[in-house]
Amino acid sequence: MTSVQWIAAVLLGAAALMATWRLLIGPTTPDRFVAGDALAVMTTAALAGLAYVMDNPIYLDVALIYGALAFVGVVALARVLEGTQP
């Protein structure tokens, strides 16, 4: 891995730690939902980076499916939080 890739990995890890902290201690429920969505986006980015580093495109397929499922989950949780029925 190059130094740029290491820096990106460290920054992604730091962002994941901060989002996890907000998920655990978030003062309100919407804060926790946003932190969970941020973690899902970071996981998708990490899978894409892993595909590049390992030179294996199967991780891109996994990242695409994971991102789509995370989006649907966040929309469903937002609707529940809002109080409307799906």
PDB file of N, CA and C in Angstrom:
ATOM      1  N   MET A   1       0.834  -1.179   0.000  1.00  0.00           N
ATOM      2  CA  MET A   1       0.000   0.000   0.000  1.00  0.00           C
ATOM      3  C   MET A   1       0.884   1.248   0.000  1.00  0.00           C
ATOM      4  N   THR A   2       0.417   2.241  -0.693  1.00  0.00           N
ATOM      5  CA  THR A   2       1.155   3.496  -0.743  1.00  0.00           C
ATOM      6  C   THR A   2       0.828   4.337   0.489  1.00  0.00           C
ATOM      7  N   SER A   3       1.558   5.419   0.642  1.00  0.00           N
ATOM      8  CA  SER A   3       1.322   6.277   1.809  1.00  0.00           C
ATOM      9  C   SER A   3      -0.052   6.946   1.735  1.00  0.00           C
ATOM     10  N   VAL A   4      -0.503   7.257   0.531  1.00  0.00           N
ATOM     11  CA  VAL A   4      -1.833   7.855   0.383  1.00  0.00           C
ATOM     12  C   VAL A   4      -2.916   6.870   0.813  1.00  0.00           C
ATOM     13  N   GLN A   5      -2.739   5.613   0.477  1.00  0.00           N
ATOM     14  CA  GLN A   5      -3.711   4.598   0.880  1.00  0.00           C
ATOM     15  C   GLN A   5      -3.703   4.407   2.393  1.00  0.00           C
ATOM     16  N   TRP A   6      -2.529   4.462   2.997  1.00  0.00           N
ATOM     17  CA  TRP A   6      -2.452   4.350   4.450  1.00  0.00           C
ATOM     18  C   TRP A   6      -3.142   5.521   5.123  1.00  0.00           C
ATOM     19  N   ILE A   7      -2.924   6.719   4.599  1.00  0.00           N
ATOM     20  CA  ILE A   7      -3.569   7.901   5.172  1.00  0.00           C
ATOM     21  C   ILE A   7      -5.086   7.792   5.046  1.00  0.00           C
ATOM     22  N   ALA A   8      -5.554   7.345   3.887  1.00  0.00           N
ATOM     23  CA  ALA A   8      -6.999   7.181   3.686  1.00  0.00           C
ATOM     24  C   ALA A   8      -7.568   6.143   4.650  1.00  0.00           C
ATOM     25  N   ALA A   9      -6.843   5.055   4.868  1.00  0.00           N
ATOM     26  CA  ALA A   9      -7.307   4.015   5.787  1.00  0.00           C
ATOM     27  C   ALA A   9      -7.360   4.532   7.223  1.00  0.00           C
ATOM     28  N   VAL A  10      -6.366   5.300   7.617  1.00  0.00           N
ATOM     29  CA  VAL A  10      -6.350   5.846   8.978  1.00  0.00           C
ATOM     30  C   VAL A  10      -7.490   6.847   9.162  1.00  0.00           C
ATOM     31  N   LEU A  11      -7.706   7.708   8.174  1.00  0.00           N
ATOM     32  CA  LEU A  11      -8.802   8.676   8.272  1.00  0.00           C
ATOM     33  C   LEU A  11     -10.161   7.986   8.284  1.00  0.00           C
ATOM     34  N   LEU A  12     -10.314   6.938   7.497  1.00  0.00           N
ATOM     35  CA  LEU A  12     -11.566   6.176   7.489  1.00  0.00           C
ATOM     36  C   LEU A  12     -11.790   5.495   8.834  1.00  0.00           C
ATOM     37  N   GLY A  13     -10.727   4.964   9.412  1.00  0.00           N
ATOM     38  CA  GLY A  13     -10.833   4.346  10.730  1.00  0.00           C
ATOM     39  C   GLY A  13     -11.189   5.353  11.815  1.00  0.00           C
ATOM     40  N   ALA A  14     -10.566   6.541  11.753  1.00  0.00           N
ATOM     41  CA  ALA A  14     -10.879   7.582  12.737  1.00  0.00           C
ATOM     42  C   ALA A  14     -12.333   8.037  12.600  1.00  0.00           C
ATOM     43  N   ALA A  15     -12.795   8.193  11.366  1.00  0.00           N
ATOM     44  CA  ALA A  15     -14.186   8.587  11.151  1.00  0.00           C
ATOM     45  C   ALA A  15     -15.135   7.509  11.661  1.00  0.00           C
ATOM     46  N   ALA A  16     -14.780   6.246  11.465  1.00  0.00           N
ATOM     47  CA  ALA A  16     -15.624   5.149  11.951  1.00  0.00           C
ATOM     48  C   ALA A  16     -15.678   5.142  13.481  1.00  0.00           C
ATOM     49  N   LEU A  17     -14.554   5.430  14.123  1.00  0.00           N
ATOM     50  CA  LEU A  17     -14.556   5.491  15.580  1.00  0.00           C
ATOM     51  C   LEU A  17     -15.441   6.629  16.089  1.00  0.00           C
ATOM     52  N   MET A  18     -15.346   7.786  15.443  1.00  0.00           N
ATOM     53  CA  MET A  18     -16.178   8.917  15.868  1.00  0.00           C
ATOM     54  C   MET A  18     -17.657   8.651  15.623  1.00  0.00           C
ATOM     55  N   ALA A  19     -17.996   8.019  14.500  1.00  0.00           N
ATOM     56  CA  ALA A  19     -19.397   7.698  14.225  1.00  0.00           C
ATOM     57  C   ALA A  19     -19.917   6.641  15.199  1.00  0.00           C
ATOM     58  N   THR A  20     -19.078   5.687  15.542  1.00  0.00           N
ATOM     59  CA  THR A  20     -19.480   4.673  16.518  1.00  0.00           C
ATOM     60  C   THR A  20     -19.716   5.312  17.883  1.00  0.00           C
ATOM     61  N   TRP A  21     -18.876   6.251  18.246  1.00  0.00           N
ATOM     62  CA  TRP A  21     -19.068   6.972  19.505  1.00  0.00           C
ATOM     63  C   TRP A  21     -20.404   7.707  19.509  1.00  0.00           C
ATOM     64  N   ARG A  22     -20.714   8.377  18.404  1.00  0.00           N
ATOM     65  CA  ARG A  22     -21.991   9.099  18.311  1.00  0.00           C
ATOM     66  C   ARG A  22     -23.163   8.120  18.325  1.00  0.00           C
ATOM     67  N   LEU A  23     -22.981   6.960  17.728  1.00  0.00           N
ATOM     68  CA  LEU A  23     -24.031   5.942  17.725  1.00  0.00           C
ATOM     69  C   LEU A  23     -24.322   5.460  19.140  1.00  0.00           C
ATOM     70  N   LEU A  24     -23.276   5.320  19.935  1.00  0.00           N
ATOM     71  CA  LEU A  24     -23.453   4.802  21.288  1.00  0.00           C
ATOM     72  C   LEU A  24     -23.978   5.847  22.260  1.00  0.00           C
ATOM     73  N   ILE A  25     -23.514   7.105  22.152  1.00  0.00           N
ATOM     74  CA  ILE A  25     -23.899   8.097  23.151  1.00  0.00           C
ATOM     75  C   ILE A  25     -24.787   9.201  22.592  1.00  0.00           C
ATOM     76  N   GLY A  26     -25.245   9.043  21.348  1.00  0.00           N
ATOM     77  CA  GLY A  26     -26.043  10.102  20.725  1.00  0.00           C
ATOM     78  C   GLY A  26     -27.162  10.567  21.630  1.00  0.00           C
ATOM     79  N   PRO A  27     -27.308  11.875  21.791  1.00  0.00           N
ATOM     80  CA  PRO A  27     -28.339  12.344  22.717  1.00  0.00           C
ATOM     81  C   PRO A  27     -29.758  12.090  22.215  1.00  0.00           C
ATOM     82  N   THR A  28     -29.950  12.047  20.904  1.00  0.00           N
ATOM     83  CA  THR A  28     -31.299  11.826  20.379  1.00  0.00           C
ATOM     84  C   THR A  28     -31.280  10.661  19.399  1.00  0.00           C
ATOM     85  N   THR A  29     -32.451  10.147  19.126  1.00  0.00           N
ATOM     86  CA  THR A  29     -32.579   9.042  18.181  1.00  0.00           C
ATOM     87  C   THR A  29     -32.160   9.432  16.768  1.00  0.00           C
ATOM     88  N   PRO A  30     -32.525  10.604  16.257  1.00  0.00           N
ATOM     89  CA  PRO A  30     -32.046  10.965  14.912  1.00  0.00           C
ATOM     90  C   PRO A  30     -30.518  11.029  14.809  1.00  0.00           C
ATOM     91  N   ASP A  31     -29.846  11.449  15.887  1.00  0.00           N
ATOM     92  CA  ASP A  31     -28.387  11.451  15.877  1.00  0.00           C
ATOM     93  C   ASP A  31     -27.849  10.035  15.690  1.00  0.00           C
ATOM     94  N   ARG A  32     -28.480   9.099  16.323  1.00  0.00           N
ATOM     95  CA  ARG A  32     -28.045   7.701  16.199  1.00  0.00           C
ATOM     96  C   ARG A  32     -28.306   7.166  14.793  1.00  0.00           C
ATOM     97  N   PHE A  33     -29.427   7.545  14.198  1.00  0.00           N
ATOM     98  CA  PHE A  33     -29.713   7.112  12.834  1.00  0.00           C
ATOM     99  C   PHE A  33     -28.685   7.676  11.848  1.00  0.00           C
ATOM    100  N   VAL A  34     -28.344   8.932  12.020  1.00  0.00           N
ATOM    101  CA  VAL A  34     -27.352   9.554  11.127  1.00  0.00           C
ATOM    102  C   VAL A  34     -25.998   8.888  11.308  1.00  0.00           C
ATOM    103  N   ALA A  35     -25.628   8.573  12.537  1.00  0.00           N
ATOM    104  CA  ALA A  35     -24.361   7.893  12.784  1.00  0.00           C
ATOM    105  C   ALA A  35     -24.361   6.496  12.156  1.00  0.00           C
ATOM    106  N   GLY A  36     -25.472   5.796  12.250  1.00  0.00           N
ATOM    107  CA  GLY A  36     -25.562   4.477  11.623  1.00  0.00           C
ATOM    108  C   GLY A  36     -25.455   4.553  10.109  1.00  0.00           C
ATOM    109  N   ASP A  37     -26.090   5.568   9.533  1.00  0.00           N
ATOM    110  CA  ASP A  37     -25.995   5.761   8.088  1.00  0.00           C
ATOM    111  C   ASP A  37     -24.562   6.118   7.689  1.00  0.00           C
ATOM    112  N   ALA A  38     -23.909   6.945   8.480  1.00  0.00           N
ATOM    113  CA  ALA A  38     -22.514   7.291   8.193  1.00  0.00           C
ATOM    114  C   ALA A  38     -21.621   6.055   8.259  1.00  0.00           C
ATOM    115  N   LEU A  39     -21.872   5.191   9.227  1.00  0.00           N
ATOM    116  CA  LEU A  39     -21.095   3.950   9.304  1.00  0.00           C
ATOM    117  C   LEU A  39     -21.340   3.055   8.095  1.00  0.00           C
ATOM    118  N   ALA A  40     -22.561   3.029   7.603  1.00  0.00           N
ATOM    119  CA  ALA A  40     -22.858   2.232   6.415  1.00  0.00           C
ATOM    120  C   ALA A  40     -22.126   2.780   5.194  1.00  0.00           C
ATOM    121  N   VAL A  41     -22.075   4.103   5.064  1.00  0.00           N
ATOM    122  CA  VAL A  41     -21.350   4.714   3.947  1.00  0.00           C
ATOM    123  C   VAL A  41     -19.858   4.427   4.062  1.00  0.00           C
ATOM    124  N   MET A  42     -19.333   4.510   5.275  1.00  0.00           N
ATOM    125  CA  MET A  42     -17.910   4.220   5.472  1.00  0.00           C
ATOM    126  C   MET A  42     -17.584   2.759   5.179  1.00  0.00           C
ATOM    127  N   THR A  43     -18.483   1.864   5.540  1.00  0.00           N
ATOM    128  CA  THR A  43     -18.266   0.454   5.243  1.00  0.00           C
ATOM    129  C   THR A  43     -18.263   0.214   3.738  1.00  0.00           C
ATOM    130  N   THR A  44     -19.152   0.873   3.029  1.00  0.00           N
ATOM    131  CA  THR A  44     -19.186   0.758   1.575  1.00  0.00           C
ATOM    132  C   THR A  44     -17.885   1.279   0.965  1.00  0.00           C
ATOM    133  N   ALA A  45     -17.406   2.407   1.465  1.00  0.00           N
ATOM    134  CA  ALA A  45     -16.140   2.966   0.974  1.00  0.00           C
ATOM    135  C   ALA A  45     -14.972   2.041   1.303  1.00  0.00           C
ATOM    136  N   ALA A  46     -14.997   1.451   2.482  1.00  0.00           N
ATOM    137  CA  ALA A  46     -13.925   0.530   2.861  1.00  0.00           C
ATOM    138  C   ALA A  46     -13.924  -0.714   1.970  1.00  0.00           C
ATOM    139  N   LEU A  47     -15.093  -1.198   1.628  1.00  0.00           N
ATOM    140  CA  LEU A  47     -15.161  -2.352   0.722  1.00  0.00           C
ATOM    141  C   LEU A  47     -14.634  -1.997  -0.664  1.00  0.00           C
ATOM    142  N   ALA A  48     -14.935  -0.801  -1.139  1.00  0.00           N
ATOM    143  CA  ALA A  48     -14.410  -0.365  -2.435  1.00  0.00           C
ATOM    144  C   ALA A  48     -12.891  -0.218  -2.381  1.00  0.00           C
ATOM    145  N   GLY A  49     -12.390   0.324  -1.279  1.00  0.00           N
ATOM    146  CA  GLY A  49     -10.937   0.425  -1.117  1.00  0.00           C
ATOM    147  C   GLY A  49     -10.278  -0.933  -1.023  1.00  0.00           C
ATOM    148  N   LEU A  50     -10.928  -1.857  -0.364  1.00  0.00           N
ATOM    149  CA  LEU A  50     -10.405  -3.224  -0.273  1.00  0.00           C
ATOM    150  C   LEU A  50     -10.354  -3.883  -1.645  1.00  0.00           C
ATOM    151  N   ALA A  51     -11.351  -3.614  -2.465  1.00  0.00           N
ATOM    152  CA  ALA A  51     -11.353  -4.153  -3.831  1.00  0.00           C
ATOM    153  C   ALA A  51     -10.160  -3.623  -4.610  1.00  0.00           C
ATOM    154  N   TYR A  52      -9.831  -2.355  -4.409  1.00  0.00           N
ATOM    155  CA  TYR A  52      -8.687  -1.768  -5.113  1.00  0.00           C
ATOM    156  C   TYR A  52      -7.362  -2.336  -4.606  1.00  0.00           C
ATOM    157  N   VAL A  53      -7.229  -2.415  -3.288  1.00  0.00           N
ATOM    158  CA  VAL A  53      -5.972  -2.883  -2.699  1.00  0.00           C
ATOM    159  C   VAL A  53      -5.722  -4.346  -3.027  1.00  0.00           C
ATOM    160  N   MET A  54      -6.752  -5.171  -2.953  1.00  0.00           N
ATOM    161  CA  MET A  54      -6.584  -6.603  -3.199  1.00  0.00           C
ATOM    162  C   MET A  54      -6.722  -6.959  -4.676  1.00  0.00           C
ATOM    163  N   ASP A  55      -7.052  -5.972  -5.507  1.00  0.00           N
ATOM    164  CA  ASP A  55      -7.226  -6.181  -6.945  1.00  0.00           C
ATOM    165  C   ASP A  55      -8.213  -7.319  -7.223  1.00  0.00           C
ATOM    166  N   ASN A  56      -9.345  -7.245  -6.521  1.00  0.00           N
ATOM    167  CA  ASN A  56     -10.378  -8.266  -6.641  1.00  0.00           C
ATOM    168  C   ASN A  56     -11.726  -7.554  -6.778  1.00  0.00           C
ATOM    169  N   PRO A  57     -12.313  -7.566  -7.973  1.00  0.00           N
ATOM    170  CA  PRO A  57     -13.543  -6.798  -8.198  1.00  0.00           C
ATOM    171  C   PRO A  57     -14.779  -7.366  -7.509  1.00  0.00           C
ATOM    172  N   ILE A  58     -14.708  -8.539  -6.922  1.00  0.00           N
ATOM    173  CA  ILE A  58     -15.884  -9.101  -6.260  1.00  0.00           C
ATOM    174  C   ILE A  58     -16.301  -8.230  -5.073  1.00  0.00           C
ATOM    175  N   TYR A  59     -15.338  -7.539  -4.456  1.00  0.00           N
ATOM    176  CA  TYR A  59     -15.669  -6.669  -3.339  1.00  0.00           C
ATOM    177  C   TYR A  59     -16.492  -5.467  -3.781  1.00  0.00           C
ATOM    178  N   LEU A  60     -16.369  -5.070  -5.026  1.00  0.00           N
ATOM    179  CA  LEU A  60     -17.204  -3.986  -5.542  1.00  0.00           C
ATOM    180  C   LEU A  60     -18.662  -4.419  -5.619  1.00  0.00           C
ATOM    181  N   ASP A  61     -18.895  -5.667  -5.999  1.00  0.00           N
ATOM    182  CA  ASP A  61     -20.264  -6.189  -6.013  1.00  0.00           C
ATOM    183  C   ASP A  61     -20.841  -6.225  -4.600  1.00  0.00           C
ATOM    184  N   VAL A  62     -20.026  -6.652  -3.656  1.00  0.00           N
ATOM    185  CA  VAL A  62     -20.470  -6.699  -2.263  1.00  0.00           C
ATOM    186  C   VAL A  62     -20.763  -5.290  -1.765  1.00  0.00           C
ATOM    187  N   ALA A  63     -19.906  -4.334  -2.115  1.00  0.00           N
ATOM    188  CA  ALA A  63     -20.112  -2.946  -1.696  1.00  0.00           C
ATOM    189  C   ALA A  63     -21.403  -2.382  -2.293  1.00  0.00           C
ATOM    190  N   LEU A  64     -21.679  -2.705  -3.543  1.00  0.00           N
ATOM    191  CA  LEU A  64     -22.900  -2.221  -4.191  1.00  0.00           C
ATOM    192  C   LEU A  64     -24.147  -2.765  -3.498  1.00  0.00           C
ATOM    193  N   ILE A  65     -24.168  -4.043  -3.234  1.00  0.00           N
ATOM    194  CA  ILE A  65     -25.322  -4.657  -2.556  1.00  0.00           C
ATOM    195  C   ILE A  65     -25.455  -4.108  -1.132  1.00  0.00           C
ATOM    196  N   TYR A  66     -24.337  -3.997  -0.441  1.00  0.00           N
ATOM    197  CA  TYR A  66     -24.373  -3.482   0.930  1.00  0.00           C
ATOM    198  C   TYR A  66     -24.885  -2.041   0.963  1.00  0.00           C
ATOM    199  N   GLY A  67     -24.411  -1.229   0.044  1.00  0.00           N
ATOM    200  CA  GLY A  67     -24.857   0.161  -0.016  1.00  0.00           C
ATOM    201  C   GLY A  67     -26.340   0.280  -0.302  1.00  0.00           C
ATOM    202  N   ALA A  68     -26.833  -0.541  -1.222  1.00  0.00           N
ATOM    203  CA  ALA A  68     -28.264  -0.513  -1.553  1.00  0.00           C
ATOM    204  C   ALA A  68     -29.110  -0.951  -0.360  1.00  0.00           C
ATOM    205  N   LEU A  69     -28.705  -2.015   0.309  1.00  0.00           N
ATOM    206  CA  LEU A  69     -29.455  -2.484   1.473  1.00  0.00           C
ATOM    207  C   LEU A  69     -29.393  -1.484   2.625  1.00  0.00           C
ATOM    208  N   ALA A  70     -28.254  -0.843   2.805  1.00  0.00           N
ATOM    209  CA  ALA A  70     -28.136   0.165   3.860  1.00  0.00           C
ATOM    210  C   ALA A  70     -29.048   1.347   3.567  1.00  0.00           C
ATOM    211  N   PHE A  71     -29.131   1.760   2.304  1.00  0.00           N
ATOM    212  CA  PHE A  71     -30.010   2.869   1.937  1.00  0.00           C
ATOM    213  C   PHE A  71     -31.468   2.519   2.221  1.00  0.00           C
ATOM    214  N   VAL A  72     -31.895   1.343   1.830  1.00  0.00           N
ATOM    215  CA  VAL A  72     -33.278   0.926   2.068  1.00  0.00           C
ATOM    216  C   VAL A  72     -33.559   0.863   3.572  1.00  0.00           C
ATOM    217  N   GLY A  73     -32.598   0.370   4.337  1.00  0.00           N
ATOM    218  CA  GLY A  73     -32.777   0.294   5.785  1.00  0.00           C
ATOM    219  C   GLY A  73     -32.900   1.662   6.426  1.00  0.00           C
ATOM    220  N   VAL A  74     -32.091   2.600   5.990  1.00  0.00           N
ATOM    221  CA  VAL A  74     -32.151   3.949   6.562  1.00  0.00           C
ATOM    222  C   VAL A  74     -33.467   4.627   6.198  1.00  0.00           C
ATOM    223  N   VAL A  75     -33.932   4.429   4.979  1.00  0.00           N
ATOM    224  CA  VAL A  75     -35.216   5.025   4.583  1.00  0.00           C
ATOM    225  C   VAL A  75     -36.350   4.419   5.412  1.00  0.00           C
ATOM    226  N   ALA A  76     -36.310   3.117   5.625  1.00  0.00           N
ATOM    227  CA  ALA A  76     -37.348   2.472   6.434  1.00  0.00           C
ATOM    228  C   ALA A  76     -37.308   2.979   7.870  1.00  0.00           C
ATOM    229  N   LEU A  77     -36.119   3.100   8.444  1.00  0.00           N
ATOM    230  CA  LEU A  77     -36.018   3.614   9.813  1.00  0.00           C
ATOM    231  C   LEU A  77     -36.465   5.063   9.904  1.00  0.00           C
ATOM    232  N   ALA A  78     -36.174   5.860   8.893  1.00  0.00           N
ATOM    233  CA  ALA A  78     -36.613   7.253   8.896  1.00  0.00           C
ATOM    234  C   ALA A  78     -38.132   7.343   8.842  1.00  0.00           C
ATOM    235  N   ARG A  79     -38.744   6.470   8.077  1.00  0.00           N
ATOM    236  CA  ARG A  79     -40.210   6.481   8.008  1.00  0.00           C
ATOM    237  C   ARG A  79     -40.822   6.065   9.340  1.00  0.00           C
ATOM    238  N   VAL A  80     -40.214   5.100  10.001  1.00  0.00           N
ATOM    239  CA  VAL A  80     -40.710   4.689  11.318  1.00  0.00           C
ATOM    240  C   VAL A  80     -40.532   5.822  12.318  1.00  0.00           C
ATOM    241  N   LEU A  81     -39.386   6.464  12.266  1.00  0.00           N
ATOM    242  CA  LEU A  81     -39.132   7.576  13.173  1.00  0.00           C
ATOM    243  C   LEU A  81     -40.099   8.730  12.940  1.00  0.00           C
ATOM    244  N   GLU A  82     -40.423   8.960  11.677  1.00  0.00           N
ATOM    245  CA  GLU A  82     -41.361  10.022  11.322  1.00  0.00           C
ATOM    246  C   GLU A  82     -42.775   9.690  11.753  1.00  0.00           C
ATOM    247  N   GLY A  83     -43.089   8.417  11.813  1.00  0.00           N
ATOM    248  CA  GLY A  83     -44.401   8.002  12.285  1.00  0.00           C
ATOM    249  C   GLY A  83     -45.338   7.548  11.187  1.00  0.00           C
ATOM    250  N   THR A  84     -44.871   7.482   9.940  1.00  0.00           N
ATOM    251  CA  THR A  84     -45.721   7.011   8.842  1.00  0.00           C
ATOM    252  C   THR A  84     -45.516   5.519   8.642  1.00  0.00           C
ATOM    253  N   GLN A  85     -46.520   4.900   8.094  1.00  0.00           N
ATOM    254  CA  GLN A  85     -46.431   3.466   7.811  1.00  0.00           C
ATOM    255  C   GLN A  85     -45.864   3.271   6.410  1.00  0.00           C
ATOM    256  N   PRO A  86     -44.991   2.260   6.264  1.00  0.00           N
ATOM    257  CA  PRO A  86     -44.428   1.989   4.921  1.00  0.00           C
ATOM    258  C   PRO A  86     -45.432   1.461   3.936  1.00  0.00           C
TER     259      PRO A  86
END
